[in-house]
C-alpha atoms as a PDB file:
ATOM      1  CA  MET A   1     -76.265  28.888 -10.282  1.00  0.00           C
ATOM      2  CA  LEU A   2     -74.623  32.423 -10.090  1.00  0.00           C
ATOM      3  CA  GLN A   3     -72.536  31.085  -7.051  1.00  0.00           C
ATOM      4  CA  ASN A   4     -71.266  27.707  -9.109  1.00  0.00           C
ATOM      5  CA  ILE A   5     -70.365  30.607 -11.788  1.00  0.00           C
ATOM      6  CA  VAL A   6     -68.313  32.506  -9.751  1.00  0.00           C
ATOM      7  CA  PHE A   7     -66.574  29.489  -7.825  1.00  0.00           C
ATOM      8  CA  GLN A   8     -65.593  28.184 -11.161  1.00  0.00           C
ATOM      9  CA  ASP A   9     -64.206  31.785 -12.346  1.00  0.00           C
ATOM     10  CA  ASN A  10     -62.654  32.441  -9.319  1.00  0.00           C
ATOM     11  CA  LEU A  11     -60.707  28.695  -9.598  1.00  0.00           C
ATOM     12  CA  TYR A  12     -60.189  29.144 -12.977  1.00  0.00           C
ATOM     13  CA  HIS A  13     -58.099  32.787 -12.478  1.00  0.00           C
ATOM     14  CA  LEU A  14     -56.303  31.177  -9.488  1.00  0.00           C
ATOM     15  CA  SER A  15     -55.053  27.730 -11.388  1.00  0.00           C
ATOM     16  CA  ARG A  16     -53.940  30.148 -14.167  1.00  0.00           C
ATOM     17  CA  SER A  17     -52.081  32.609 -11.590  1.00  0.00           C
ATOM     18  CA  ILE A  18     -50.520  29.513  -9.953  1.00  0.00           C
ATOM     19  CA  ASP A  19     -49.191  28.107 -13.262  1.00  0.00           C
ATOM     20  CA  LEU A  20     -47.904  31.576 -14.124  1.00  0.00           C
ATOM     21  CA  THR A  21     -46.032  31.863 -11.130  1.00  0.00           C
ATOM     22  CA  LYS A  22     -44.925  28.429 -11.320  1.00  0.00           C
ATOM     23  CA  GLU A  23     -43.559  29.557 -14.627  1.00  0.00           C
ATOM     24  CA  GLY A  24     -42.097  32.868 -13.410  1.00  0.00           C
ATOM     25  CA  ILE A  25     -39.962  31.415 -10.711  1.00  0.00           C
ATOM     26  CA  LEU A  26     -38.251  28.734 -13.047  1.00  0.00           C
ATOM     27  CA  LEU A  27     -37.189  32.067 -15.043  1.00  0.00           C
ATOM     28  CA  ASP A  28     -34.017  34.046 -14.426  1.00  0.00           C
ATOM     29  CA  LEU A  29     -36.273  37.111 -13.069  1.00  0.00           C
ATOM     30  CA  SER A  30     -34.245  40.149 -11.415  1.00  0.00           C
ATOM     31  CA  SER A  31     -35.197  39.777  -7.649  1.00  0.00           C
ATOM     32  CA  GLU A  32     -35.441  43.448  -7.637  1.00  0.00           C
ATOM     33  CA  TYR A  33     -38.227  43.669  -9.513  1.00  0.00           C
ATOM     34  CA  PHE A  34     -40.256  40.749  -9.395  1.00  0.00           C
ATOM     35  CA  PHE A  35     -39.384  38.748  -5.799  1.00  0.00           C
ATOM     36  CA  ASP A  36     -41.796  40.796  -3.805  1.00  0.00           C
ATOM     37  CA  LYS A  37     -44.548  40.260  -6.361  1.00  0.00           C
ATOM     38  CA  LEU A  38     -43.601  36.125  -6.836  1.00  0.00           C
ATOM     39  CA  LEU A  39     -43.882  35.864  -2.582  1.00  0.00           C
ATOM     40  CA  ASP A  40     -47.186  38.321  -2.370  1.00  0.00           C
ATOM     41  CA  ASP A  41     -48.476  35.811  -5.368  1.00  0.00           C
ATOM     42  CA  ILE A  42     -47.522  32.603  -3.269  1.00  0.00           C
ATOM     43  CA  LEU A  43     -49.003  33.506   0.005  1.00  0.00           C
ATOM     44  CA  PHE A  44     -51.965  34.878  -1.335  1.00  0.00           C
ATOM     45  CA  PHE A  45     -52.596  31.295  -2.951  1.00  0.00           C
ATOM     46  CA  ASP A  46     -52.418  30.102   0.321  1.00  0.00           C
ATOM     47  CA  ILE A  47     -55.078  31.834   1.766  1.00  0.00           C
ATOM     48  CA  THR A  48     -57.344  31.832  -1.163  1.00  0.00           C
ATOM     49  CA  ILE A  49     -57.196  28.052  -1.706  1.00  0.00           C
ATOM     50  CA  THR A  50     -58.285  27.989   1.806  1.00  0.00           C
ATOM     51  CA  LYS A  51     -60.775  30.110   1.888  1.00  0.00           C
ATOM     52  CA  ILE A  52     -62.540  29.152  -1.209  1.00  0.00           C
ATOM     53  CA  TYR A  53     -62.339  25.341   0.214  1.00  0.00           C
ATOM     54  CA  ARG A  54     -63.830  26.767   3.579  1.00  0.00           C
ATOM     55  CA  GLN A  55     -66.891  28.511   1.709  1.00  0.00           C
ATOM     56  CA  LEU A  56     -67.105  25.613  -0.534  1.00  0.00           C
ATOM     57  CA  SER A  57     -67.636  23.199   1.929  1.00  0.00           C
ATOM     58  CA  GLU A  58     -69.869  25.716   4.229  1.00  0.00           C
ATOM     59  CA  ASN A  59     -72.377  25.610   0.730  1.00  0.00           C
ATOM     60  CA  SER A  60     -72.419  21.478   0.102  1.00  0.00           C
ATOM     61  CA  ARG A  61     -75.571  21.886  -1.602  1.00  0.00           C
ATOM     62  CA  ILE A  62     -74.665  23.992  -4.287  1.00  0.00           C
ATOM     63  CA  SER A  63     -75.035  22.635  -7.697  1.00  0.00           C
ATOM     64  CA  GLY A  64     -72.036  21.085  -8.813  1.00  0.00           C
ATOM     65  CA  TYR A  65     -70.669  20.381  -5.667  1.00  0.00           C
ATOM     66  CA  VAL A  66     -68.266  17.378  -6.456  1.00  0.00           C
ATOM     67  CA  GLN A  67     -67.171  19.094  -9.665  1.00  0.00           C
ATOM     68  CA  LEU A  68     -66.012  22.386  -7.389  1.00  0.00           C
ATOM     69  CA  LEU A  69     -64.256  20.609  -4.738  1.00  0.00           C
ATOM     70  CA  HIS A  70     -62.414  18.568  -8.156  1.00  0.00           C
ATOM     71  CA  SER A  71     -61.583  21.993  -9.369  1.00  0.00           C
ATOM     72  CA  VAL A  72     -60.428  23.155  -6.004  1.00  0.00           C
ATOM     73  CA  HIS A  73     -58.299  20.172  -5.777  1.00  0.00           C
ATOM     74  CA  SER A  74     -56.506  20.648  -9.216  1.00  0.00           C
ATOM     75  CA  CYS A  75     -55.880  24.000  -7.847  1.00  0.00           C
ATOM     76  CA  GLN A  76     -54.185  22.707  -4.898  1.00  0.00           C
ATOM     77  CA  ARG A  77     -51.976  20.306  -6.516  1.00  0.00           C
ATOM     78  CA  ARG A  78     -50.597  23.019  -8.634  1.00  0.00           C
ATOM     79  CA  TYR A  79     -49.981  24.931  -5.582  1.00  0.00           C
ATOM     80  CA  ILE A  80     -48.377  21.783  -3.688  1.00  0.00           C
ATOM     81  CA  GLN A  81     -46.039  21.445  -6.950  1.00  0.00           C
ATOM     82  CA  LEU A  82     -45.077  25.311  -6.852  1.00  0.00           C
ATOM     83  CA  LEU A  83     -44.648  24.835  -3.007  1.00  0.00           C
ATOM     84  CA  GLU A  84     -42.197  21.837  -3.977  1.00  0.00           C
ATOM     85  CA  SER A  85     -40.095  23.447  -6.651  1.00  0.00           C
ATOM     86  CA  ILE A  86     -39.160  26.196  -4.673  1.00  0.00           C
ATOM     87  CA  PRO A  87     -36.417  24.946  -2.625  1.00  0.00           C
ATOM     88  CA  SER A  88     -34.807  23.266  -5.688  1.00  0.00           C
ATOM     89  CA  LEU A  89     -34.726  26.427  -7.772  1.00  0.00           C
ATOM     90  CA  LYS A  90     -31.923  27.138  -9.693  1.00  0.00           C
ATOM     91  CA  THR A  91     -32.221  30.442 -10.744  1.00  0.00           C
ATOM     92  CA  SER A  92     -31.173  33.962  -9.627  1.00  0.00           C
ATOM     93  CA  LEU A  93     -34.387  34.002  -6.999  1.00  0.00           C
ATOM     94  CA  LYS A  94     -33.168  31.221  -5.186  1.00  0.00           C
ATOM     95  CA  ASP A  95     -31.031  33.474  -2.764  1.00  0.00           C
ATOM     96  CA  ASP A  96     -34.123  34.936  -1.832  1.00  0.00           C
ATOM     97  CA  PHE A  97     -36.328  32.394  -1.375  1.00  0.00           C
ATOM     98  CA  VAL A  98     -33.594  30.426   1.114  1.00  0.00           C
ATOM     99  CA  LYS A  99     -34.858  32.199   4.204  1.00  0.00           C
ATOM    100  CA  LEU A 100     -38.354  31.429   3.821  1.00  0.00           C
ATOM    101  CA  ILE A 101     -37.736  27.811   2.991  1.00  0.00           C
ATOM    102  CA  PRO A 102     -39.301  26.664   6.447  1.00  0.00           C
ATOM    103  CA  LYS A 103     -42.509  28.948   6.050  1.00  0.00           C
ATOM    104  CA  ILE A 104     -42.886  27.593   2.368  1.00  0.00           C
ATOM    105  CA  ARG A 105     -42.551  23.827   4.017  1.00  0.00           C
ATOM    106  CA  ASP A 106     -45.327  24.534   6.693  1.00  0.00           C
ATOM    107  CA  ILE A 107     -47.721  25.901   3.913  1.00  0.00           C
ATOM    108  CA  HIS A 108     -47.179  22.573   2.111  1.00  0.00           C
ATOM    109  CA  VAL A 109     -47.531  20.385   4.999  1.00  0.00           C
ATOM    110  CA  LYS A 110     -50.882  22.705   5.328  1.00  0.00           C
ATOM    111  CA  HIS A 111     -51.881  21.946   2.016  1.00  0.00           C
ATOM    112  CA  LYS A 112     -51.051  18.312   1.935  1.00  0.00           C
ATOM    113  CA  GLU A 113     -53.118  18.096   4.798  1.00  0.00           C
ATOM    114  CA  LEU A 114     -55.948  20.041   3.071  1.00  0.00           C
ATOM    115  CA  SER A 115     -55.628  17.675   0.109  1.00  0.00           C
ATOM    116  CA  SER A 116     -56.304  14.743   1.800  1.00  0.00           C
ATOM    117  CA  ARG A 117     -59.395  16.477   3.254  1.00  0.00           C
ATOM    118  CA  ILE A 118     -60.795  17.221   0.053  1.00  0.00           C
ATOM    119  CA  VAL A 119     -60.238  13.927  -1.345  1.00  0.00           C
ATOM    120  CA  ASP A 120     -61.987  12.760   1.625  1.00  0.00           C
ATOM    121  CA  ASP A 121     -64.852  15.075   1.052  1.00  0.00           C
ATOM    122  CA  ILE A 122     -65.264  14.128  -2.752  1.00  0.00           C
ATOM    123  CA  ALA A 123     -65.341  10.128  -1.871  1.00  0.00           C
ATOM    124  CA  HIS A 124     -68.246  11.050   0.823  1.00  0.00           C
ATOM    125  CA  ASN A 125     -69.958  13.262  -1.637  1.00  0.00           C
ATOM    126  CA  ASP A 126     -69.521  11.676  -4.769  1.00  0.00           C
ATOM    127  CA  PRO A 127     -71.865   8.381  -5.373  1.00  0.00           C
ATOM    128  CA  ASN A 128     -70.072   7.610  -8.449  1.00  0.00           C
ATOM    129  CA  SER A 129     -66.302   8.045  -6.854  1.00  0.00           C
ATOM    130  CA  ASP A 130     -64.632   4.955  -6.243  1.00  0.00           C
ATOM    131  CA  SER A 131     -61.588   6.001  -3.828  1.00  0.00           C
ATOM    132  CA  ARG A 132     -59.365   3.464  -5.916  1.00  0.00           C
ATOM    133  CA  ASP A 133     -59.567   5.772  -8.619  1.00  0.00           C
ATOM    134  CA  VAL A 134     -58.210   8.401  -7.169  1.00  0.00           C
ATOM    135  CA  VAL A 135     -54.707   8.898  -7.251  1.00  0.00           C
ATOM    136  CA  SER A 136     -52.533  10.727  -4.840  1.00  0.00           C
ATOM    137  CA  GLN A 137     -50.028  13.272  -5.849  1.00  0.00           C
ATOM    138  CA  SER A 138     -46.821  10.926  -4.830  1.00  0.00           C
ATOM    139  CA  GLU A 139     -48.757   8.149  -6.934  1.00  0.00           C
ATOM    140  CA  LEU A 140     -48.737  10.312 -10.087  1.00  0.00           C
ATOM    141  CA  SER A 141     -45.374  11.430  -9.641  1.00  0.00           C
ATOM    142  CA  GLU A 142     -44.085   8.085  -9.437  1.00  0.00           C
ATOM    143  CA  LEU A 143     -45.752   7.092 -12.500  1.00  0.00           C
ATOM    144  CA  LEU A 144     -44.690   9.967 -14.547  1.00  0.00           C
ATOM    145  CA  ASN A 145     -40.867   9.223 -13.443  1.00  0.00           C
ATOM    146  CA  PHE A 146     -40.636   5.859 -14.626  1.00  0.00           C
END
Protein backbone atom coordinates (compact mmCIF):
# COMPACT_ATOMS: atom_id res chain seq x y z
CA MET A 1 0.00 0.00 0.00
CA LEU A 2 2.85 2.40 0.79
CA GLN A 3 4.28 2.14 -2.72
CA ASN A 4 0.87 2.94 -4.15
CA ILE A 5 0.68 6.07 -2.00
CA VAL A 6 4.17 7.10 -3.06
CA PHE A 7 3.30 6.61 -6.74
CA GLN A 8 0.10 8.66 -6.31
CA ASP A 9 1.90 11.45 -4.45
CA ASN A 10 4.65 11.58 -7.05
CA LEU A 11 2.15 11.57 -9.91
CA TYR A 12 0.06 14.29 -8.26
CA HIS A 13 3.07 16.55 -7.80
CA LEU A 14 4.32 15.81 -11.31
CA SER A 15 0.92 16.65 -12.77
CA ARG A 16 0.73 19.97 -10.92
CA SER A 17 4.31 20.82 -11.94
CA ILE A 18 3.53 20.16 -15.61
CA ASP A 19 0.47 22.42 -15.37
CA LEU A 20 2.51 25.17 -13.72
CA THR A 21 5.21 24.94 -16.40
CA LYS A 22 2.60 25.06 -19.15
CA GLU A 23 1.13 28.19 -17.61
CA GLY A 24 4.63 29.66 -17.20
CA ILE A 25 5.62 29.33 -20.84
CA LEU A 26 2.45 31.17 -21.83
CA LEU A 27 3.45 34.19 -19.73
CA ASP A 28 5.80 36.85 -21.01
CA LEU A 29 8.58 35.84 -18.63
CA SER A 30 12.15 37.04 -18.79
CA SER A 31 14.40 34.47 -20.45
CA GLU A 32 17.24 35.64 -18.26
CA TYR A 33 15.42 34.45 -15.15
CA PHE A 34 13.21 31.61 -16.28
CA PHE A 35 14.33 29.92 -19.51
CA ASP A 36 16.88 27.56 -17.93
CA LYS A 37 14.41 26.59 -15.19
CA LEU A 38 11.60 25.92 -17.66
CA LEU A 39 13.89 23.89 -19.91
CA ASP A 40 15.18 21.87 -16.95
CA ASP A 41 11.58 21.18 -15.91
CA ILE A 42 10.59 20.06 -19.42
CA LEU A 43 13.52 17.65 -19.59
CA PHE A 44 12.86 16.47 -16.02
CA PHE A 45 9.26 15.61 -16.95
CA ASP A 46 10.48 13.51 -19.88
CA ILE A 47 12.81 11.45 -17.71
CA THR A 48 10.45 11.20 -14.76
CA ILE A 49 7.34 10.08 -16.65
CA THR A 50 9.37 7.42 -18.43
CA LYS A 51 10.97 6.27 -15.18
CA ILE A 52 7.68 6.12 -13.25
CA TYR A 53 6.02 4.16 -16.03
CA ARG A 54 8.94 1.71 -16.17
CA GLN A 55 8.90 1.20 -12.39
CA LEU A 56 5.15 0.81 -12.39
CA SER A 57 5.13 -1.69 -15.25
CA GLU A 58 7.77 -3.75 -13.42
CA ASN A 59 5.37 -3.96 -10.44
CA SER A 60 2.12 -4.79 -12.18
CA ARG A 61 0.82 -6.61 -9.10
CA ILE A 62 0.81 -3.44 -7.02
CA SER A 63 -2.55 -2.52 -5.53
CA GLY A 64 -4.42 -0.10 -7.79
CA TYR A 65 -2.16 -0.80 -10.75
CA VAL A 66 -4.72 0.16 -13.40
CA GLN A 67 -5.64 3.38 -11.59
CA LEU A 68 -1.95 4.25 -11.39
CA LEU A 69 -1.64 3.63 -15.14
CA HIS A 70 -4.51 6.05 -15.65
CA SER A 71 -2.69 8.61 -13.50
CA VAL A 72 0.55 8.19 -15.46
CA HIS A 73 -1.42 8.54 -18.68
CA SER A 74 -3.06 11.71 -17.39
CA CYS A 75 0.35 13.21 -16.54
CA GLN A 76 1.63 12.22 -19.91
CA ARG A 77 -1.29 13.82 -21.76
CA ARG A 78 -0.58 17.05 -19.90
CA TYR A 79 3.09 16.76 -20.83
CA ILE A 80 2.29 16.12 -24.50
CA GLN A 81 0.08 19.22 -24.51
CA LEU A 82 2.94 21.21 -23.00
CA LEU A 83 5.32 19.96 -25.70
CA GLU A 84 2.79 20.73 -28.43
CA SER A 85 2.38 24.31 -27.21
CA ILE A 86 6.10 25.16 -27.45
CA PRO A 87 6.47 25.54 -31.26
CA SER A 88 3.58 28.02 -31.39
CA LEU A 89 4.69 30.22 -28.48
CA LYS A 90 4.05 33.92 -28.91
CA THR A 91 5.97 35.12 -25.87
CA SER A 92 9.50 36.39 -25.33
CA LEU A 93 10.59 32.79 -24.61
CA LYS A 94 9.88 31.79 -28.22
CA ASP A 95 13.33 32.77 -29.49
CA ASP A 96 15.02 30.66 -26.82
CA PHE A 97 12.95 27.59 -27.58
CA VAL A 98 13.34 27.81 -31.39
CA LYS A 99 16.74 26.11 -31.41
CA LEU A 100 15.33 23.26 -29.30
CA ILE A 101 12.34 22.44 -31.50
CA PRO A 102 13.98 19.31 -33.04
CA LYS A 103 14.74 17.89 -29.59
CA ILE A 104 11.24 18.76 -28.38
CA ARG A 105 9.75 17.01 -31.42
CA ASP A 106 11.83 13.89 -30.67
CA ILE A 107 10.60 13.89 -27.07
CA HIS A 108 7.05 14.41 -28.32
CA VAL A 109 7.25 11.39 -30.64
CA LYS A 110 8.70 9.27 -27.84
CA HIS A 111 5.85 10.19 -25.50
CA LYS A 112 3.15 9.65 -28.11
CA GLU A 113 4.52 6.10 -28.54
CA LEU A 114 4.68 5.62 -24.77
CA SER A 115 1.12 6.88 -24.49
CA SER A 116 -0.03 4.14 -26.86
CA ARG A 117 1.75 1.55 -24.73
CA ILE A 118 0.08 2.84 -21.59
CA VAL A 119 -3.36 2.70 -23.23
CA ASP A 120 -2.60 -0.88 -24.33
CA ASP A 121 -1.51 -1.76 -20.78
CA ILE A 122 -4.71 -0.29 -19.36
CA ALA A 123 -6.84 -2.25 -21.82
CA HIS A 124 -4.89 -5.45 -21.15
CA ASN A 125 -5.00 -5.18 -17.35
CA ASP A 126 -8.45 -3.75 -16.73
CA PRO A 127 -11.17 -6.36 -17.18
CA ASN A 128 -13.78 -3.59 -17.06
CA SER A 129 -12.04 -1.57 -19.75
CA ASP A 130 -13.51 -1.36 -23.19
CA SER A 131 -11.01 -0.07 -25.74
CA ARG A 132 -13.90 1.65 -27.50
CA ASP A 133 -14.25 3.87 -24.42
CA VAL A 134 -10.68 5.14 -24.60
CA VAL A 135 -10.53 8.50 -26.35
CA SER A 136 -7.21 9.37 -27.93
CA GLN A 137 -5.69 12.81 -27.46
CA SER A 138 -6.32 13.68 -31.12
CA GLU A 139 -9.96 12.59 -30.83
CA LEU A 140 -10.39 14.68 -27.70
CA SER A 141 -8.79 17.69 -29.36
CA GLU A 142 -11.08 17.28 -32.35
CA LEU A 143 -14.14 17.05 -30.11
CA LEU A 144 -13.14 20.16 -28.19
CA ASN A 145 -12.48 22.19 -31.37
CA PHE A 146 -16.03 22.10 -32.70
